[in-house]
Protein backbone atom coordinates (compact mmCIF):
# COMPACT_ATOMS: atom_id res chain seq x y z
CA MET A 1 21.59 26.22 11.18
CA ILE A 2 20.97 29.52 9.37
CA THR A 3 19.45 30.74 6.13
CA LEU A 4 20.10 33.95 4.22
CA ARG A 5 17.24 35.76 2.52
CA GLU A 6 16.25 39.17 1.22
CA TYR A 7 14.63 41.73 3.50
CA LEU A 8 10.84 41.92 3.74
CA PRO A 9 8.73 44.87 4.98
CA SER A 10 7.55 42.62 7.83
CA ASP A 11 11.15 42.53 9.17
CA LEU A 12 11.00 46.15 10.34
CA ASP A 13 10.14 45.74 14.02
CA ARG A 14 12.60 42.87 14.57
CA LEU A 15 15.37 44.73 12.71
CA VAL A 16 14.90 47.85 14.83
CA SER A 17 14.75 45.80 18.02
CA LEU A 18 18.13 44.17 17.30
CA ALA A 19 19.88 47.12 15.66
CA ASN A 20 18.92 49.68 18.31
CA ASP A 21 21.56 48.34 20.68
CA GLU A 22 24.67 50.40 21.32
CA GLN A 23 26.68 47.20 21.84
CA VAL A 24 25.75 46.09 18.30
CA SER A 25 26.48 49.43 16.62
CA ARG A 26 29.60 50.47 18.56
CA TYR A 27 32.12 49.06 16.05
CA LEU A 28 30.03 49.30 12.88
CA VAL A 29 30.45 51.76 10.03
CA TYR A 30 29.30 55.34 10.61
CA THR A 31 26.23 54.86 8.39
CA PHE A 32 24.82 52.38 10.94
CA PRO A 33 23.15 54.82 13.33
CA HIS A 34 22.52 54.72 17.04
CA PRO A 35 19.84 55.11 18.13
CA TYR A 36 18.42 52.97 15.30
CA THR A 37 14.87 54.14 14.60
CA HIS A 38 11.93 52.77 12.65
CA ALA A 39 12.70 55.39 9.99
CA ASP A 40 16.27 54.02 9.73
CA GLY A 41 15.00 50.46 9.42
CA ASP A 42 12.33 51.39 6.89
CA TRP A 43 14.93 53.19 4.74
CA TRP A 44 17.27 50.18 4.96
CA ILE A 45 14.59 47.64 3.99
CA ARG A 46 13.08 49.72 1.17
CA THR A 47 16.17 51.50 -0.21
CA GLY A 48 19.55 50.81 1.39
CA SER A 49 19.48 47.03 1.07
CA LYS A 50 18.46 47.34 -2.58
CA GLN A 51 20.96 49.94 -3.80
CA LYS A 52 23.04 49.17 -6.86
CA GLY A 53 26.09 47.16 -5.86
CA VAL A 54 24.67 46.20 -2.45
CA ILE A 55 23.83 42.59 -1.73
CA ALA A 56 22.27 42.49 1.73
CA ARG A 57 20.69 39.47 3.32
CA VAL A 58 18.82 38.77 6.53
CA ILE A 59 20.52 36.18 8.69
CA GLU A 60 17.71 33.93 9.86
CA HIS A 61 18.23 31.43 12.68
CA GLN A 62 15.42 29.01 13.53
CA GLY A 63 13.06 31.13 11.41
CA VAL A 64 13.89 34.42 13.17
CA LEU A 65 15.85 37.45 11.92
CA VAL A 66 19.04 37.65 13.99
CA GLY A 67 21.27 39.95 11.91
CA THR A 68 22.53 40.97 8.49
CA VAL A 69 25.33 39.94 6.16
CA GLY A 70 26.23 41.60 2.90
CA ILE A 71 28.66 42.40 0.16
CA THR A 72 29.19 45.83 -1.36
CA LEU A 73 30.52 45.39 -4.88
CA GLN A 74 33.32 47.69 -5.94
CA ASP A 75 33.58 49.26 -9.40
CA GLY A 76 36.10 50.57 -11.89
CA TRP A 77 39.51 49.01 -11.57
CA ARG A 78 38.36 47.38 -8.32
CA ASP A 79 35.38 45.59 -9.87
CA HIS A 80 36.83 42.20 -8.92
CA LEU A 81 36.49 43.05 -5.20
CA GLY A 82 33.69 43.04 -2.67
CA GLU A 83 33.58 44.46 0.83
CA ILE A 84 31.90 42.00 3.14
CA GLY A 85 30.24 42.87 6.43
CA TYR A 86 27.92 41.40 9.02
CA TRP A 87 26.32 41.98 12.38
CA VAL A 88 24.29 39.81 14.72
CA GLY A 89 21.97 40.86 17.55
CA ARG A 90 23.58 40.66 20.97
CA GLU A 91 21.41 37.83 22.27
CA HIS A 92 22.78 35.66 19.45
CA TRP A 93 26.47 36.33 20.01
CA GLY A 94 28.78 33.39 20.66
CA GLN A 95 26.58 30.83 18.86
CA GLY A 96 28.54 30.58 15.60
CA ILE A 97 25.85 32.43 13.66
CA ALA A 98 28.12 35.21 12.34
CA GLY A 99 30.66 32.63 11.17
CA ALA A 100 28.00 30.55 9.40
CA ALA A 101 26.60 33.65 7.68
CA LEU A 102 30.09 34.80 6.66
CA ARG A 103 30.82 31.34 5.19
CA GLN A 104 27.63 31.34 3.13
CA MET A 105 28.12 34.88 1.85
CA THR A 106 31.79 34.24 1.08
CA ASP A 107 30.83 31.17 -0.96
CA TYR A 108 28.23 33.28 -2.80
CA GLY A 109 30.77 36.05 -3.49
CA PHE A 110 33.36 33.69 -4.93
CA GLY A 111 30.87 31.31 -6.58
CA GLU A 112 27.89 33.15 -7.98
CA LEU A 113 29.48 36.60 -8.21
CA ARG A 114 32.91 35.29 -9.32
CA LEU A 115 34.75 37.88 -7.23
CA LYS A 116 38.51 37.50 -6.84
CA LYS A 117 38.80 38.98 -3.36
CA LEU A 118 36.56 39.79 -0.41
CA TYR A 119 37.72 42.16 2.31
CA ALA A 120 36.53 43.57 5.61
CA GLY A 121 37.72 46.44 7.75
CA VAL A 122 37.42 45.86 11.50
CA LEU A 123 37.84 48.49 14.23
CA ALA A 124 40.76 47.56 16.50
CA PRO A 125 38.74 46.73 19.66
CA ASN A 126 36.45 44.30 17.81
CA THR A 127 38.48 41.15 18.42
CA ALA A 128 35.38 38.91 18.23
CA SER A 129 34.83 39.94 14.61
CA MET A 130 38.51 39.42 13.84
CA ARG A 131 38.19 35.84 15.17
CA VAL A 132 35.13 35.20 12.97
CA LEU A 133 37.08 36.34 9.92
CA THR A 134 40.23 34.34 10.64
CA GLN A 135 38.20 31.22 11.43
CA ASN A 136 36.72 31.57 7.94
CA GLY A 137 39.98 31.84 6.05
CA TYR A 138 40.39 35.62 6.00
CA GLU A 139 43.89 36.92 6.68
CA LEU A 140 45.08 40.18 8.14
CA GLU A 141 46.56 42.23 5.29
CA GLY A 142 47.44 45.29 7.31
CA VAL A 143 46.52 47.79 9.97
CA LEU A 144 45.57 51.34 9.01
CA LYS A 145 46.48 53.56 11.97
CA SER A 146 43.92 56.10 13.24
CA GLU A 147 41.92 55.47 10.07
CA VAL A 148 38.43 56.29 11.33
CA ARG A 149 36.82 58.51 13.92
CA LYS A 150 33.72 57.36 15.74
CA HIS A 151 32.14 59.14 18.70
CA GLY A 152 35.13 61.50 18.91
CA ARG A 153 37.71 58.71 19.13
CA CYS A 154 40.17 57.54 16.44
CA TYR A 155 40.45 53.82 15.74
CA ASP A 156 42.87 51.66 13.81
CA ILE A 157 41.28 49.53 11.09
CA HIS A 158 42.44 45.94 10.74
CA HIS A 159 42.08 45.06 7.06
CA PHE A 160 41.23 41.38 6.47
CA ALA A 161 40.87 39.68 3.10
CA ARG A 162 40.30 36.34 1.48
CA HIS A 163 41.19 35.52 -2.11
CA ALA A 164 39.22 33.29 -4.44
CA ILE A 165 40.69 29.98 -5.49
CA HIS A 166 39.51 30.20 -9.12
CA GLU A 167 41.60 31.96 -11.75
CA GLY A 168 40.67 34.03 -14.78
């Protein structure tokens, strides 16, 4: 159904087209801008997606870029953890694409990277993302009240996590 791959310079126009949608960015981290410009996309493809500790992949459906999934590795005493995140362009919502991408990246995080725990913070109104996480074995660990401010409004963060099966 989907494949995950690294970003290519040729992805720029498609990335900007999908990401420059207020409905896509409304519940994403503050570093995901709106409007999303060609300069933002160029920086992401050339620099952001390749930063140390960032594993970012294009979600490709039927040969077309439809979103992004990634893990940000933690360090120090949290080096066994990864923060996982994803987004899919609006025209691809409700097709199971985010769930499929989350499954593949979760398997990669626990398999190849040997992480012990993956976690995701979700803004309270984003119930669709919460469903994707729970359908993929992530559990709600807690709610951080008024944890973030976006566009002048405070939001609770629902903290979801999944633990690896392997020990050691």
